[in-house]
PDB file of N, CA and C in Angstrom:
ATOM      1  N   UNK A   1     104.737 133.684  96.606  1.00  0.00           N
ATOM      2  CA  UNK A   1     103.838 133.322  97.463  1.00  0.00           C
ATOM      3  C   UNK A   1     103.102 132.220  96.841  1.00  0.00           C
ATOM      4  N   UNK A   2     102.446 131.102  97.677  1.00  0.00           N
ATOM      5  CA  UNK A   2     101.769 130.162  97.001  1.00  0.00           C
ATOM      6  C   UNK A   2     100.322 130.456  97.359  1.00  0.00           C
ATOM      7  N   UNK A   3      99.504 130.333  96.243  1.00  0.00           N
ATOM      8  CA  UNK A   3      98.030 130.770  96.325  1.00  0.00           C
ATOM      9  C   UNK A   3      97.159 129.482  96.518  1.00  0.00           C
ATOM     10  N   UNK A   4      97.657 128.515  96.363  1.00  0.00           N
ATOM     11  CA  UNK A   4      96.681 127.275  96.287  1.00  0.00           C
ATOM     12  C   UNK A   4      97.544 125.943  96.080  1.00  0.00           C
ATOM     13  N   UNK A   5      96.829 124.803  96.400  1.00  0.00           N
ATOM     14  CA  UNK A   5      97.401 123.633  96.468  1.00  0.00           C
ATOM     15  C   UNK A   5      98.018 123.243  94.839  1.00  0.00           C
ATOM     16  N   UNK A   6      97.549 123.783  93.802  1.00  0.00           N
ATOM     17  CA  UNK A   6      98.129 123.485  92.490  1.00  0.00           C
ATOM     18  C   UNK A   6      99.423 124.188  92.311  1.00  0.00           C
ATOM     19  N   UNK A   7      99.727 125.069  93.218  1.00  0.00           N
ATOM     20  CA  UNK A   7     100.953 125.991  93.107  1.00  0.00           C
ATOM     21  C   UNK A   7     102.236 125.189  93.930  1.00  0.00           C
ATOM     22  N   UNK A   8     101.812 124.173  94.577  1.00  0.00           N
ATOM     23  CA  UNK A   8     102.841 123.522  95.452  1.00  0.00           C
ATOM     24  C   UNK A   8     103.534 122.620  94.794  1.00  0.00           C
ATOM     25  N   UNK A   9     104.836 122.485  94.933  1.00  0.00           N
ATOM     26  CA  UNK A   9     105.943 121.579  94.363  1.00  0.00           C
ATOM     27  C   UNK A   9     106.009 120.401  95.156  1.00  0.00           C
ATOM     28  N   UNK A  10     106.861 119.575  94.532  1.00  0.00           N
ATOM     29  CA  UNK A  10     107.243 118.359  95.238  1.00  0.00           C
ATOM     30  C   UNK A  10     108.210 118.671  96.584  1.00  0.00           C
ATOM     31  N   UNK A  11     108.911 119.758  96.514  1.00  0.00           N
ATOM     32  CA  UNK A  11     109.588 120.252  97.633  1.00  0.00           C
ATOM     33  C   UNK A  11     108.813 120.627  98.699  1.00  0.00           C
ATOM     34  N   UNK A  12     107.569 121.353  98.277  1.00  0.00           N
ATOM     35  CA  UNK A  12     106.825 121.970  99.326  1.00  0.00           C
ATOM     36  C   UNK A  12     106.050 120.823  99.935  1.00  0.00           C
ATOM     37  N   UNK A  13     105.720 119.724  99.305  1.00  0.00           N
ATOM     38  CA  UNK A  13     105.173 118.658  99.966  1.00  0.00           C
ATOM     39  C   UNK A  13     105.986 117.822 100.897  1.00  0.00           C
ATOM     40  N   UNK A  14     107.522 117.679 100.463  1.00  0.00           N
ATOM     41  CA  UNK A  14     108.468 116.934 101.165  1.00  0.00           C
ATOM     42  C   UNK A  14     108.560 117.772 102.291  1.00  0.00           C
ATOM     43  N   UNK A  15     108.790 119.167 102.392  1.00  0.00           N
ATOM     44  CA  UNK A  15     108.836 119.964 103.667  1.00  0.00           C
ATOM     45  C   UNK A  15     107.884 119.670 104.654  1.00  0.00           C
ATOM     46  N   UNK A  16     106.684 119.625 104.232  1.00  0.00           N
ATOM     47  CA  UNK A  16     105.496 119.222 104.995  1.00  0.00           C
ATOM     48  C   UNK A  16     105.633 118.018 105.607  1.00  0.00           C
ATOM     49  N   UNK A  17     106.106 116.800 104.773  1.00  0.00           N
ATOM     50  CA  UNK A  17     106.288 115.633 105.305  1.00  0.00           C
ATOM     51  C   UNK A  17     107.208 115.433 106.338  1.00  0.00           C
ATOM     52  N   UNK A  18     108.279 116.219 106.239  1.00  0.00           N
ATOM     53  CA  UNK A  18     109.249 116.466 107.248  1.00  0.00           C
ATOM     54  C   UNK A  18     108.826 116.897 108.445  1.00  0.00           C
ATOM     55  N   UNK A  19     107.924 118.109 108.233  1.00  0.00           N
ATOM     56  CA  UNK A  19     107.206 118.544 109.579  1.00  0.00           C
ATOM     57  C   UNK A  19     106.413 117.506 110.239  1.00  0.00           C
ATOM     58  N   UNK A  20     105.736 117.060 109.594  1.00  0.00           N
ATOM     59  CA  UNK A  20     104.748 115.944 110.167  1.00  0.00           C
ATOM     60  C   UNK A  20     105.376 115.005 110.874  1.00  0.00           C
ATOM     61  N   UNK A  21     106.649 114.410 110.305  1.00  0.00           N
ATOM     62  CA  UNK A  21     107.398 113.542 110.736  1.00  0.00           C
ATOM     63  C   UNK A  21     107.931 114.091 112.407  1.00  0.00           C
ATOM     64  N   UNK A  22     108.488 115.285 112.108  1.00  0.00           N
ATOM     65  CA  UNK A  22     108.863 115.843 113.594  1.00  0.00           C
ATOM     66  C   UNK A  22     107.791 115.943 114.545  1.00  0.00           C
ATOM     67  N   UNK A  23     106.495 116.157 113.982  1.00  0.00           N
ATOM     68  CA  UNK A  23     105.507 116.309 115.003  1.00  0.00           C
ATOM     69  C   UNK A  23     104.742 115.027 115.306  1.00  0.00           C
ATOM     70  N   UNK A  24     105.548 114.058 114.949  1.00  0.00           N
ATOM     71  CA  UNK A  24     105.093 112.413 115.296  1.00  0.00           C
ATOM     72  C   UNK A  24     103.652 112.290 114.771  1.00  0.00           C
ATOM     73  N   UNK A  25     103.614 112.808 113.491  1.00  0.00           N
ATOM     74  CA  UNK A  25     102.258 112.340 112.667  1.00  0.00           C
ATOM     75  C   UNK A  25     102.776 111.622 111.541  1.00  0.00           C
ATOM     76  N   UNK A  26     103.177 110.277 111.472  1.00  0.00           N
ATOM     77  CA  UNK A  26     103.576 109.584 110.337  1.00  0.00           C
ATOM     78  C   UNK A  26     102.638 109.505 109.213  1.00  0.00           C
ATOM     79  N   UNK A  27     101.190 109.198 109.514  1.00  0.00           N
ATOM     80  CA  UNK A  27     100.370 108.998 108.273  1.00  0.00           C
ATOM     81  C   UNK A  27     100.308 110.409 107.596  1.00  0.00           C
ATOM     82  N   UNK A  28     100.190 111.472 108.113  1.00  0.00           N
ATOM     83  CA  UNK A  28     100.079 112.631 107.310  1.00  0.00           C
ATOM     84  C   UNK A  28     101.444 112.849 106.752  1.00  0.00           C
ATOM     85  N   UNK A  29     102.456 112.515 107.148  1.00  0.00           N
ATOM     86  CA  UNK A  29     103.867 112.505 106.651  1.00  0.00           C
ATOM     87  C   UNK A  29     103.979 111.694 105.385  1.00  0.00           C
ATOM     88  N   UNK A  30     103.343 110.519 105.516  1.00  0.00           N
ATOM     89  CA  UNK A  30     103.306 109.379 104.307  1.00  0.00           C
ATOM     90  C   UNK A  30     102.325 110.004 103.281  1.00  0.00           C
ATOM     91  N   UNK A  31     101.323 110.718 103.458  1.00  0.00           N
ATOM     92  CA  UNK A  31     100.365 111.270 102.473  1.00  0.00           C
ATOM     93  C   UNK A  31     101.074 112.395 101.776  1.00  0.00           C
ATOM     94  N   UNK A  32     101.572 113.384 102.629  1.00  0.00           N
ATOM     95  CA  UNK A  32     102.285 114.462 102.046  1.00  0.00           C
ATOM     96  C   UNK A  32     103.454 114.119 101.003  1.00  0.00           C
ATOM     97  N   UNK A  33     104.380 112.718 101.537  1.00  0.00           N
ATOM     98  CA  UNK A  33     105.332 112.212 100.819  1.00  0.00           C
ATOM     99  C   UNK A  33     104.756 111.657  99.573  1.00  0.00           C
ATOM    100  N   UNK A  34     103.617 110.924  99.411  1.00  0.00           N
ATOM    101  CA  UNK A  34     103.131 110.240  98.283  1.00  0.00           C
ATOM    102  C   UNK A  34     102.724 111.342  97.316  1.00  0.00           C
ATOM    103  N   UNK A  35     102.219 112.567  97.728  1.00  0.00           N
ATOM    104  CA  UNK A  35     102.022 113.594  96.867  1.00  0.00           C
ATOM    105  C   UNK A  35     103.250 113.937  96.250  1.00  0.00           C
ATOM    106  N   UNK A  36     104.245 114.145  97.003  1.00  0.00           N
ATOM    107  CA  UNK A  36     105.618 114.653  96.494  1.00  0.00           C
ATOM    108  C   UNK A  36     106.159 113.642  95.404  1.00  0.00           C
ATOM    109  N   UNK A  37     106.007 112.260  95.797  1.00  0.00           N
ATOM    110  CA  UNK A  37     106.483 111.508  94.737  1.00  0.00           C
ATOM    111  C   UNK A  37     105.833 111.436  93.583  1.00  0.00           C
ATOM    112  N   UNK A  38     104.486 111.657  93.588  1.00  0.00           N
ATOM    113  CA  UNK A  38     103.567 111.686  92.335  1.00  0.00           C
ATOM    114  C   UNK A  38     103.963 112.988  91.576  1.00  0.00           C
ATOM    115  N   UNK A  39     104.392 114.013  92.137  1.00  0.00           N
ATOM    116  CA  UNK A  39     104.751 115.153  91.371  1.00  0.00           C
ATOM    117  C   UNK A  39     106.072 115.504  90.831  1.00  0.00           C
ATOM    118  N   UNK A  40     106.963 114.112  91.263  1.00  0.00           N
ATOM    119  CA  UNK A  40     108.291 114.083  90.829  1.00  0.00           C
ATOM    120  C   UNK A  40     108.304 113.054  89.636  1.00  0.00           C
ATOM    121  N   UNK A  41     109.157 113.738  88.642  1.00  0.00           N
ATOM    122  CA  UNK A  41     109.368 112.982  87.088  1.00  0.00           C
ATOM    123  C   UNK A  41     110.259 111.789  87.227  1.00  0.00           C
ATOM    124  N   UNK A  42     111.270 111.941  87.938  1.00  0.00           N
ATOM    125  CA  UNK A  42     112.237 110.839  88.139  1.00  0.00           C
ATOM    126  C   UNK A  42     111.670 109.641  88.699  1.00  0.00           C
ATOM    127  N   UNK A  43     111.399 108.424  88.258  1.00  0.00           N
ATOM    128  CA  UNK A  43     110.976 107.180  89.210  1.00  0.00           C
ATOM    129  C   UNK A  43     111.879 106.817  90.200  1.00  0.00           C
ATOM    130  N   UNK A  44     113.196 107.100  90.081  1.00  0.00           N
ATOM    131  CA  UNK A  44     114.036 106.744  91.181  1.00  0.00           C
ATOM    132  C   UNK A  44     113.838 107.617  92.383  1.00  0.00           C
ATOM    133  N   UNK A  45     113.686 108.920  91.999  1.00  0.00           N
ATOM    134  CA  UNK A  45     113.432 109.880  93.063  1.00  0.00           C
ATOM    135  C   UNK A  45     112.156 109.530  93.758  1.00  0.00           C
ATOM    136  N   UNK A  46     111.215 109.250  93.087  1.00  0.00           N
ATOM    137  CA  UNK A  46     110.062 108.933  93.547  1.00  0.00           C
ATOM    138  C   UNK A  46     109.969 107.743  94.512  1.00  0.00           C
ATOM    139  N   UNK A  47     110.791 106.853  93.977  1.00  0.00           N
ATOM    140  CA  UNK A  47     110.839 105.494  94.978  1.00  0.00           C
ATOM    141  C   UNK A  47     111.553 105.895  96.361  1.00  0.00           C
ATOM    142  N   UNK A  48     112.707 106.691  96.138  1.00  0.00           N
ATOM    143  CA  UNK A  48     113.246 107.164  97.316  1.00  0.00           C
ATOM    144  C   UNK A  48     112.524 107.975  98.364  1.00  0.00           C
ATOM    145  N   UNK A  49     111.447 108.818  97.719  1.00  0.00           N
ATOM    146  CA  UNK A  49     110.532 109.446  98.637  1.00  0.00           C
ATOM    147  C   UNK A  49     109.609 108.557  99.212  1.00  0.00           C
ATOM    148  N   UNK A  50     109.292 107.524  98.645  1.00  0.00           N
ATOM    149  CA  UNK A  50     108.195 106.625  99.281  1.00  0.00           C
ATOM    150  C   UNK A  50     108.922 105.712 100.294  1.00  0.00           C
ATOM    151  N   UNK A  51     110.281 105.380  99.972  1.00  0.00           N
ATOM    152  CA  UNK A  51     110.953 104.570 100.747  1.00  0.00           C
ATOM    153  C   UNK A  51     111.210 105.365 102.335  1.00  0.00           C
ATOM    154  N   UNK A  52     111.407 106.502 102.059  1.00  0.00           N
ATOM    155  CA  UNK A  52     111.791 107.441 103.241  1.00  0.00           C
ATOM    156  C   UNK A  52     110.510 107.524 104.294  1.00  0.00           C
ATOM    157  N   UNK A  53     109.240 107.373 103.506  1.00  0.00           N
ATOM    158  CA  UNK A  53     108.140 107.723 104.292  1.00  0.00           C
ATOM    159  C   UNK A  53     107.063 106.738 103.938  1.00  0.00           C
ATOM    160  N   UNK A  54     107.408 105.450 104.682  1.00  0.00           N
ATOM    161  CA  UNK A  54     106.697 104.465 104.348  1.00  0.00           C
ATOM    162  C   UNK A  54     105.042 104.570 105.090  1.00  0.00           C
ATOM    163  N   UNK A  55     104.292 103.918 104.425  1.00  0.00           N
ATOM    164  CA  UNK A  55     102.797 103.701 105.019  1.00  0.00           C
ATOM    165  C   UNK A  55     102.949 103.126 106.478  1.00  0.00           C
ATOM    166  N   UNK A  56     102.670 103.914 107.494  1.00  0.00           N
ATOM    167  CA  UNK A  56     102.673 103.366 108.735  1.00  0.00           C
ATOM    168  C   UNK A  56     101.400 102.370 109.127  1.00  0.00           C
ATOM    169  N   UNK A  57     100.341 102.463 108.307  1.00  0.00           N
ATOM    170  CA  UNK A  57      99.298 101.487 108.484  1.00  0.00           C
ATOM    171  C   UNK A  57      99.517 100.070 108.218  1.00  0.00           C
ATOM    172  N   UNK A  58     100.690  99.862 107.281  1.00  0.00           N
ATOM    173  CA  UNK A  58     101.088  98.457 106.844  1.00  0.00           C
ATOM    174  C   UNK A  58     102.194  98.296 107.844  1.00  0.00           C
ATOM    175  N   UNK A  59     102.711  98.826 108.656  1.00  0.00           N
ATOM    176  CA  UNK A  59     103.876  98.515 109.366  1.00  0.00           C
ATOM    177  C   UNK A  59     103.234  98.108 110.980  1.00  0.00           C
ATOM    178  N   UNK A  60     102.079  98.231 111.197  1.00  0.00           N
ATOM    179  CA  UNK A  60     101.428  98.252 112.549  1.00  0.00           C
ATOM    180  C   UNK A  60     101.382  96.682 112.737  1.00  0.00           C
ATOM    181  N   UNK A  61     102.017  96.615 113.987  1.00  0.00           N
ATOM    182  CA  UNK A  61     101.812  95.041 114.492  1.00  0.00           C
ATOM    183  C   UNK A  61     100.665  95.090 115.365  1.00  0.00           C
ATOM    184  N   UNK A  62     100.031  93.858 115.280  1.00  0.00           N
ATOM    185  CA  UNK A  62      98.588  93.552 116.114  1.00  0.00           C
ATOM    186  C   UNK A  62      99.219  92.932 117.427  1.00  0.00           C
ATOM    187  N   UNK A  63      98.439  93.311 118.427  1.00  0.00           N
ATOM    188  CA  UNK A  63      98.515  92.725 119.817  1.00  0.00           C
ATOM    189  C   UNK A  63      97.257  92.081 120.194  1.00  0.00           C
ATOM    190  N   UNK A  64      97.811  91.127 121.014  1.00  0.00           N
ATOM    191  CA  UNK A  64      96.544  90.411 121.653  1.00  0.00           C
ATOM    192  C   UNK A  64      95.978  91.097 122.655  1.00  0.00           C
TER     193      UNK A  64
END
């Protein structure tokens, strides 16, 4: 059983990111994935996580 945020693993954060994606909450998914990437020791894995959950605020298109 997890007793606090310090006990969460990268996998826990990725699970949360997937849940937020399914709930159509892309920004929360991105934040959770970023935390997962920071908790990952392998740079290639961290890069893959970041690529899978890009920051939706940078992908917004402005409309007139």
